[in-house]
Amino acid sequence: MKPIKQNEIYEHLSQFLRSKGIDMKEGTYARRIQKGCSLLTDAANLTQQGMTRAKTEIDKRLEQMRQVIHEKTAPKAPPPTQGKPGPAPATAANAPAGNKRSTRRRKTRTRGGRKK
């Protein structure tokens, strides 16, 4: 929205009243109406500036909030590999000599069947 010029509201009001058959002449009431229109113009312009600033601030905070949500909910990326092969996983072929255990599970016996 464009800012309102200082006497623009007063001029429009004067034209409106003139079209209705009322002519405002210089005098006390005309100066008071002009002053009221000036205050209304200032209030409208300041409100517009405030709304623009508020919108900018809200957009900034909203973007920060989106960024935080993204960081908290984004899937974790795997750590980058540097091309050097790491130690091979332990298998039966390359396991240390003293660590040869059977991979089968043992069956356990229970006395008396089921437990209550």
C-alpha atoms as a PDB file:
ATOM      1  CA  MET A   1       0.000   0.000   0.000  1.00  0.00           C
ATOM      2  CA  LYS A   2       1.240   3.455  -0.853  1.00  0.00           C
ATOM      3  CA  PRO A   3       1.485   6.007   1.964  1.00  0.00           C
ATOM      4  CA  ILE A   4      -1.333   8.549   2.123  1.00  0.00           C
ATOM      5  CA  LYS A   5      -0.368  12.154   1.404  1.00  0.00           C
ATOM      6  CA  GLN A   6      -0.895  14.612   4.238  1.00  0.00           C
ATOM      7  CA  ASN A   7      -3.986  16.463   2.904  1.00  0.00           C
ATOM      8  CA  GLU A   8      -5.323  13.682   0.687  1.00  0.00           C
ATOM      9  CA  ILE A   9      -8.088  12.529   3.056  1.00  0.00           C
ATOM     10  CA  TYR A  10      -9.216  16.111   3.695  1.00  0.00           C
ATOM     11  CA  GLU A  11      -9.369  16.829  -0.043  1.00  0.00           C
ATOM     12  CA  HIS A  12     -11.424  13.679  -0.701  1.00  0.00           C
ATOM     13  CA  LEU A  13     -13.760  14.532   2.178  1.00  0.00           C
ATOM     14  CA  SER A  14     -14.183  18.089   0.851  1.00  0.00           C
ATOM     15  CA  GLN A  15     -15.019  16.770  -2.635  1.00  0.00           C
ATOM     16  CA  PHE A  16     -17.463  14.244  -1.176  1.00  0.00           C
ATOM     17  CA  LEU A  17     -19.249  16.916   0.870  1.00  0.00           C
ATOM     18  CA  ARG A  18     -19.276  19.289  -2.098  1.00  0.00           C
ATOM     19  CA  SER A  19     -20.978  16.591  -4.226  1.00  0.00           C
ATOM     20  CA  LYS A  20     -23.666  16.362  -1.508  1.00  0.00           C
ATOM     21  CA  GLY A  21     -24.210  20.111  -1.569  1.00  0.00           C
ATOM     22  CA  ILE A  22     -22.087  21.098   1.459  1.00  0.00           C
ATOM     23  CA  ASP A  23     -19.289  23.556   0.843  1.00  0.00           C
ATOM     24  CA  MET A  24     -16.653  23.872   3.574  1.00  0.00           C
ATOM     25  CA  LYS A  25     -15.340  27.401   3.839  1.00  0.00           C
ATOM     26  CA  GLU A  26     -12.359  28.536   5.816  1.00  0.00           C
ATOM     27  CA  GLY A  27     -13.154  28.673   9.482  1.00  0.00           C
ATOM     28  CA  THR A  28     -12.814  26.964  12.820  1.00  0.00           C
ATOM     29  CA  TYR A  29     -14.749  23.832  11.887  1.00  0.00           C
ATOM     30  CA  ALA A  30     -12.820  23.428   8.608  1.00  0.00           C
ATOM     31  CA  ARG A  31      -9.468  23.667  10.438  1.00  0.00           C
ATOM     32  CA  ARG A  32     -10.601  21.101  13.026  1.00  0.00           C
ATOM     33  CA  ILE A  33     -11.782  18.700  10.315  1.00  0.00           C
ATOM     34  CA  GLN A  34      -8.489  19.207   8.486  1.00  0.00           C
ATOM     35  CA  LYS A  35      -6.537  18.503  11.689  1.00  0.00           C
ATOM     36  CA  GLY A  36      -8.606  15.342  12.300  1.00  0.00           C
ATOM     37  CA  CYS A  37      -7.942  14.171   8.758  1.00  0.00           C
ATOM     38  CA  SER A  38      -4.236  14.840   9.290  1.00  0.00           C
ATOM     39  CA  LEU A  39      -4.240  12.697  12.441  1.00  0.00           C
ATOM     40  CA  LEU A  40      -6.089   9.941  10.571  1.00  0.00           C
ATOM     41  CA  THR A  41      -3.505  10.087   7.770  1.00  0.00           C
ATOM     42  CA  ASP A  42      -0.627   9.813  10.255  1.00  0.00           C
ATOM     43  CA  ALA A  43      -2.312   6.895  12.030  1.00  0.00           C
ATOM     44  CA  ALA A  44      -2.914   5.033   8.758  1.00  0.00           C
ATOM     45  CA  ASN A  45       0.653   5.578   7.541  1.00  0.00           C
ATOM     46  CA  LEU A  46       2.215   4.535  10.857  1.00  0.00           C
ATOM     47  CA  THR A  47      -0.014   1.474  11.019  1.00  0.00           C
ATOM     48  CA  GLN A  48       1.076   0.491   7.528  1.00  0.00           C
ATOM     49  CA  GLN A  49       4.758   0.871   8.482  1.00  0.00           C
ATOM     50  CA  GLY A  50       4.218  -1.181  11.624  1.00  0.00           C
ATOM     51  CA  MET A  51       2.440  -3.917   9.710  1.00  0.00           C
ATOM     52  CA  THR A  52       5.279  -4.077   7.183  1.00  0.00           C
ATOM     53  CA  ARG A  53       7.854  -4.380   9.980  1.00  0.00           C
ATOM     54  CA  ALA A  54       5.770  -7.005  11.772  1.00  0.00           C
ATOM     55  CA  LYS A  55       5.384  -9.056   8.580  1.00  0.00           C
ATOM     56  CA  THR A  56       9.142  -8.954   8.000  1.00  0.00           C
ATOM     57  CA  GLU A  57       9.853 -10.048  11.581  1.00  0.00           C
ATOM     58  CA  ILE A  58       7.240 -12.822  11.474  1.00  0.00           C
ATOM     59  CA  ASP A  59       8.657 -14.136   8.203  1.00  0.00           C
ATOM     60  CA  LYS A  60      12.168 -14.121   9.697  1.00  0.00           C
ATOM     61  CA  ARG A  61      11.081 -15.988  12.849  1.00  0.00           C
ATOM     62  CA  LEU A  62       9.000 -18.442  10.826  1.00  0.00           C
ATOM     63  CA  GLU A  63      12.008 -19.271   8.662  1.00  0.00           C
ATOM     64  CA  GLN A  64      14.110 -19.830  11.807  1.00  0.00           C
ATOM     65  CA  MET A  65      11.424 -22.152  13.187  1.00  0.00           C
ATOM     66  CA  ARG A  66      11.276 -24.085   9.902  1.00  0.00           C
ATOM     67  CA  GLN A  67      15.062 -24.466   9.975  1.00  0.00           C
ATOM     68  CA  VAL A  68      15.021 -25.821  13.541  1.00  0.00           C
ATOM     69  CA  ILE A  69      12.235 -28.275  12.700  1.00  0.00           C
ATOM     70  CA  HIS A  70      14.150 -29.386   9.618  1.00  0.00           C
ATOM     71  CA  GLU A  71      17.337 -29.942  11.621  1.00  0.00           C
ATOM     72  CA  LYS A  72      15.500 -31.952  14.289  1.00  0.00           C
ATOM     73  CA  THR A  73      13.487 -34.123  11.897  1.00  0.00           C
ATOM     74  CA  ALA A  74      15.911 -34.605   8.996  1.00  0.00           C
ATOM     75  CA  PRO A  75      17.312 -38.126   8.616  1.00  0.00           C
ATOM     76  CA  LYS A  76      20.862 -38.526   9.837  1.00  0.00           C
ATOM     77  CA  ALA A  77      23.339 -38.763   6.986  1.00  0.00           C
ATOM     78  CA  PRO A  78      25.960 -41.526   7.187  1.00  0.00           C
ATOM     79  CA  PRO A  79      29.459 -40.255   7.979  1.00  0.00           C
ATOM     80  CA  PRO A  80      31.482 -39.637   4.840  1.00  0.00           C
ATOM     81  CA  THR A  81      34.053 -42.293   3.954  1.00  0.00           C
ATOM     82  CA  GLN A  82      37.581 -41.166   3.213  1.00  0.00           C
ATOM     83  CA  GLY A  83      38.471 -43.981   0.821  1.00  0.00           C
ATOM     84  CA  LYS A  84      40.714 -45.865   3.282  1.00  0.00           C
ATOM     85  CA  PRO A  85      39.438 -49.318   4.079  1.00  0.00           C
ATOM     86  CA  GLY A  86      38.742 -49.793   7.754  1.00  0.00           C
ATOM     87  CA  PRO A  87      39.285 -53.008   9.704  1.00  0.00           C
ATOM     88  CA  ALA A  88      37.404 -55.924   8.248  1.00  0.00           C
ATOM     89  CA  PRO A  89      34.498 -57.266  10.288  1.00  0.00           C
ATOM     90  CA  ALA A  90      35.291 -60.304  12.414  1.00  0.00           C
ATOM     91  CA  THR A  91      34.441 -63.547  10.654  1.00  0.00           C
ATOM     92  CA  ALA A  92      35.430 -67.135  11.276  1.00  0.00           C
ATOM     93  CA  ALA A  93      38.186 -66.842   8.668  1.00  0.00           C
ATOM     94  CA  ASN A  94      39.975 -63.824  10.147  1.00  0.00           C
ATOM     95  CA  ALA A  95      39.014 -64.200  13.845  1.00  0.00           C
ATOM     96  CA  PRO A  96      41.813 -64.486  16.428  1.00  0.00           C
ATOM     97  CA  ALA A  97      42.949 -68.042  17.135  1.00  0.00           C
ATOM     98  CA  GLY A  98      41.759 -68.218  20.752  1.00  0.00           C
ATOM     99  CA  ASN A  99      38.240 -67.026  19.992  1.00  0.00           C
ATOM    100  CA  LYS A 100      36.642 -70.004  18.218  1.00  0.00           C
ATOM    101  CA  ARG A 101      33.182 -70.458  19.599  1.00  0.00           C
ATOM    102  CA  SER A 102      30.341 -72.334  18.120  1.00  0.00           C
ATOM    103  CA  THR A 103      27.683 -70.123  16.642  1.00  0.00           C
ATOM    104  CA  ARG A 104      24.919 -72.624  17.411  1.00  0.00           C
ATOM    105  CA  ARG A 105      22.714 -71.905  20.363  1.00  0.00           C
ATOM    106  CA  ARG A 106      22.505 -74.367  23.169  1.00  0.00           C
ATOM    107  CA  LYS A 107      19.246 -75.915  24.110  1.00  0.00           C
ATOM    108  CA  THR A 108      18.343 -75.614  27.757  1.00  0.00           C
ATOM    109  CA  ARG A 109      16.337 -78.199  29.594  1.00  0.00           C
ATOM    110  CA  THR A 110      13.580 -77.344  31.959  1.00  0.00           C
ATOM    111  CA  ARG A 111      12.404 -79.490  34.812  1.00  0.00           C
ATOM    112  CA  GLY A 112       8.802 -80.387  35.079  1.00  0.00           C
ATOM    113  CA  GLY A 113       7.636 -78.842  31.873  1.00  0.00           C
ATOM    114  CA  ARG A 114       6.160 -75.378  31.883  1.00  0.00           C
ATOM    115  CA  LYS A 115       6.564 -72.733  34.516  1.00  0.00           C
ATOM    116  CA  LYS A 116       3.432 -71.341  36.154  1.00  0.00           C
END
